[in-house]
Protein backbone atom coordinates (compact mmCIF):
# COMPACT_ATOMS: atom_id res chain seq x y z
CA UNK A 1 0.00 0.00 0.00
CA UNK A 2 1.26 3.48 -0.84
CA UNK A 3 2.06 5.32 2.45
CA UNK A 4 1.14 8.64 0.80
CA UNK A 5 -2.49 7.48 0.77
CA UNK A 6 -2.40 7.13 4.56
CA UNK A 7 -2.30 10.91 5.07
CA UNK A 8 -4.40 13.99 4.31
CA UNK A 9 -2.53 17.20 3.48
CA UNK A 10 -3.30 20.31 5.56
CA UNK A 11 -3.22 23.82 4.12
CA UNK A 12 -0.19 24.76 6.27
CA UNK A 13 2.04 22.11 4.69
CA UNK A 14 1.65 19.52 7.45
CA UNK A 15 -0.38 16.33 7.11
CA UNK A 16 -2.53 14.11 9.31
CA UNK A 17 -2.85 10.30 9.26
CA UNK A 18 -6.16 8.81 8.17
CA UNK A 19 -6.05 5.62 10.27
CA UNK A 20 -7.18 6.32 13.86
CA UNK A 21 -6.77 4.65 17.26
CA UNK A 22 -9.06 5.59 20.15
CA UNK A 23 -7.97 5.02 23.74
CA UNK A 24 -11.10 5.36 25.87
CA UNK A 25 -11.37 2.95 28.80
CA UNK A 26 -13.76 2.89 31.77
CA UNK A 27 -12.44 4.22 35.10
CA UNK A 28 -11.93 0.73 36.51
CA UNK A 29 -9.37 -0.08 33.79
CA UNK A 30 -5.84 0.81 34.96
CA UNK A 31 -4.22 3.67 33.03
CA UNK A 32 -1.24 1.44 32.25
CA UNK A 33 -3.54 -0.46 29.85
CA UNK A 34 -3.96 2.74 27.78
CA UNK A 35 -0.16 3.08 27.76
CA UNK A 36 0.34 -0.50 26.57
CA UNK A 37 -2.48 -0.30 24.00
CA UNK A 38 -1.18 3.00 22.60
CA UNK A 39 2.35 1.58 22.24
CA UNK A 40 0.95 -1.43 20.40
CA UNK A 41 -1.19 0.80 18.18
CA UNK A 42 1.80 2.95 17.19
CA UNK A 43 3.86 -0.19 16.50
CA UNK A 44 0.97 -1.43 14.32
CA UNK A 45 1.20 1.80 12.25
CA UNK A 46 -1.69 3.69 13.83
CA UNK A 47 -0.37 7.25 13.73
CA UNK A 48 -3.63 9.08 14.47
CA UNK A 49 -4.18 8.74 18.23
CA UNK A 50 -7.55 9.97 19.50
CA UNK A 51 -7.64 11.32 23.02
CA UNK A 52 -9.94 13.24 25.33
CA UNK A 53 -9.52 14.96 28.68
CA UNK A 54 -12.56 13.12 29.98
CA UNK A 55 -10.79 9.78 29.36
CA UNK A 56 -8.35 10.81 32.15
CA UNK A 57 -5.40 9.36 30.25
CA UNK A 58 -4.27 12.20 27.98
CA UNK A 59 -1.04 12.66 29.95
CA UNK A 60 -0.19 8.95 29.76
CA UNK A 61 -0.99 8.74 26.05
CA UNK A 62 1.09 11.87 25.42
CA UNK A 63 3.96 10.29 27.35
CA UNK A 64 3.79 7.17 25.15
CA UNK A 65 3.88 9.26 21.99
CA UNK A 66 6.81 11.33 23.25
CA UNK A 67 8.72 8.22 24.33
CA UNK A 68 8.17 6.65 20.90
CA UNK A 69 9.52 9.77 19.20
CA UNK A 70 12.44 10.24 21.60
CA UNK A 71 13.72 6.69 21.10
CA UNK A 72 13.72 7.35 17.33
CA UNK A 73 11.29 4.51 16.62
CA UNK A 74 8.86 7.07 15.17
CA UNK A 75 9.18 10.58 13.79
CA UNK A 76 7.22 13.14 15.80
CA UNK A 77 5.75 14.65 12.66
CA UNK A 78 4.26 11.27 11.72
CA UNK A 79 2.16 10.93 14.87
CA UNK A 80 -1.02 12.92 15.35
CA UNK A 81 -2.41 13.18 18.86
CA UNK A 82 -5.95 14.34 18.22
CA UNK A 83 -7.27 16.34 21.15
CA UNK A 84 -9.12 19.56 21.75
CA UNK A 85 -7.55 22.84 22.77
CA UNK A 86 -9.37 22.59 26.08
CA UNK A 87 -7.06 19.81 27.11
CA UNK A 88 -4.20 22.29 27.24
CA UNK A 89 -5.99 24.38 29.83
CA UNK A 90 -5.27 23.38 33.41
CA UNK A 91 -8.16 22.79 35.83
CA UNK A 92 -6.65 25.38 38.20
CA UNK A 93 -7.96 28.12 35.99
CA UNK A 94 -7.54 28.68 32.28
CA UNK A 95 -3.76 28.37 32.28
CA UNK A 96 -2.13 27.03 29.15
CA UNK A 97 -0.06 23.91 29.64
CA UNK A 98 2.10 22.41 26.88
CA UNK A 99 0.94 19.31 25.08
CA UNK A 100 4.15 18.92 23.04
CA UNK A 101 2.29 17.09 20.33
CA UNK A 102 1.31 17.67 16.75
CA UNK A 103 -2.18 18.98 16.12
CA UNK A 104 -4.78 20.90 18.10
CA UNK A 105 -8.41 20.76 17.10
CA UNK A 106 -10.14 23.96 18.18
CA UNK A 107 -13.67 22.62 17.80
CA UNK A 108 -13.78 20.69 21.06
CA UNK A 109 -13.12 23.63 23.34
CA UNK A 110 -15.87 25.61 21.64
CA UNK A 111 -18.50 22.90 21.29
CA UNK A 112 -18.37 21.69 24.87
CA UNK A 113 -16.77 24.12 27.29
CA UNK A 114 -17.41 23.36 30.91
CA UNK A 115 -16.93 25.89 33.66
CA UNK A 116 -13.50 25.47 35.29
CA UNK A 117 -14.19 23.46 38.43
CA UNK A 118 -12.64 20.60 40.34
CA UNK A 119 -15.18 18.10 39.02
CA UNK A 120 -14.42 16.53 35.68
CA UNK A 121 -17.99 17.16 34.50
CA UNK A 122 -19.43 20.04 36.58
CA UNK A 123 -23.17 19.97 37.31
CA UNK A 124 -25.56 22.32 39.07
CA UNK A 125 -27.84 21.36 41.97
CA UNK A 126 -30.34 19.81 39.53
CA UNK A 127 -27.77 17.58 37.82
CA UNK A 128 -27.56 19.71 34.68
CA UNK A 129 -24.15 20.34 33.11
CA UNK A 130 -22.63 23.76 33.75
CA UNK A 131 -21.23 25.23 30.54
CA UNK A 132 -18.97 28.20 29.98
CA UNK A 133 -19.13 30.76 27.19
CA UNK A 134 -16.01 30.68 25.06
CA UNK A 135 -14.81 33.66 23.06
CA UNK A 136 -13.76 32.13 19.72
CA UNK A 137 -11.13 34.79 19.06
CA UNK A 138 -9.63 34.49 22.56
CA UNK A 139 -9.51 30.71 22.15
CA UNK A 140 -7.86 31.00 18.76
CA UNK A 141 -5.33 33.46 20.21
CA UNK A 142 -4.44 30.99 22.99
CA UNK A 143 -4.05 28.15 20.50
CA UNK A 144 -1.88 30.38 18.28
CA UNK A 145 0.36 31.01 21.32
CA UNK A 146 0.81 27.26 21.70
CA UNK A 147 1.53 26.97 18.01
CA UNK A 148 4.10 29.78 18.19
CA UNK A 149 5.79 28.07 21.14
CA UNK A 150 5.93 24.81 19.10
CA UNK A 151 3.75 23.07 21.67
CA UNK A 152 1.70 21.99 18.67
CA UNK A 153 2.24 22.45 14.94
CA UNK A 154 -1.16 22.77 13.29
CA UNK A 155 -4.56 24.15 14.22
CA UNK A 156 -7.79 22.61 12.94
CA UNK A 157 -11.13 24.37 12.69
CA UNK A 158 -13.07 21.70 10.83
CA UNK A 159 -16.50 21.78 12.49
CA UNK A 160 -17.19 25.50 12.79
CA UNK A 161 -20.07 26.97 10.84
CA UNK A 162 -19.68 29.78 8.29
CA UNK A 163 -20.38 32.56 10.81
CA UNK A 164 -17.88 31.19 13.34
CA UNK A 165 -15.17 30.70 10.72
CA UNK A 166 -15.73 34.21 9.39
CA UNK A 167 -15.41 35.65 12.90
CA UNK A 168 -12.11 33.84 13.43
CA UNK A 169 -10.71 34.65 9.99
CA UNK A 170 -11.55 38.35 10.43
CA UNK A 171 -9.76 38.45 13.79
CA UNK A 172 -7.15 41.24 13.68
CA UNK A 173 -3.62 39.85 13.80
CA UNK A 174 -4.59 36.31 12.75
CA UNK A 175 -1.54 34.37 11.61
């Protein structure tokens, strides 16, 4: 099979793998299982690793990817850790923390932004989720800062509607 067909080109010159490996596991499954499964997936040529803050294993999965790239078994640019920008924001209060991986997808932080709280999924007294309003331009600015610092290389905005994209593209100082 032609390896070129395994990737989709991005408009900034980078590319993302098409084949994807998800690493969700219920809470009762030890995090080491996500580590082992992710290592096996990368060895089996899965270079698109799906992750989510709510899985509670983003740090471990990131560690596996970094270890695979540091031991020269894989090139960093060949592995995509697919996560939302919200996963770079610490629970202590909207502080950016480095992910050191390849691609940030902006959509997740906009579509489902929970209020910063200690609980993983904050709820009010009636059991309803507590959401936060996210300023698209402020979010894009924060993600651009990560991109500038080489914490991530590419920014995706694939699921925004026309109005949202226009707002971001008309942001003064957009890179």
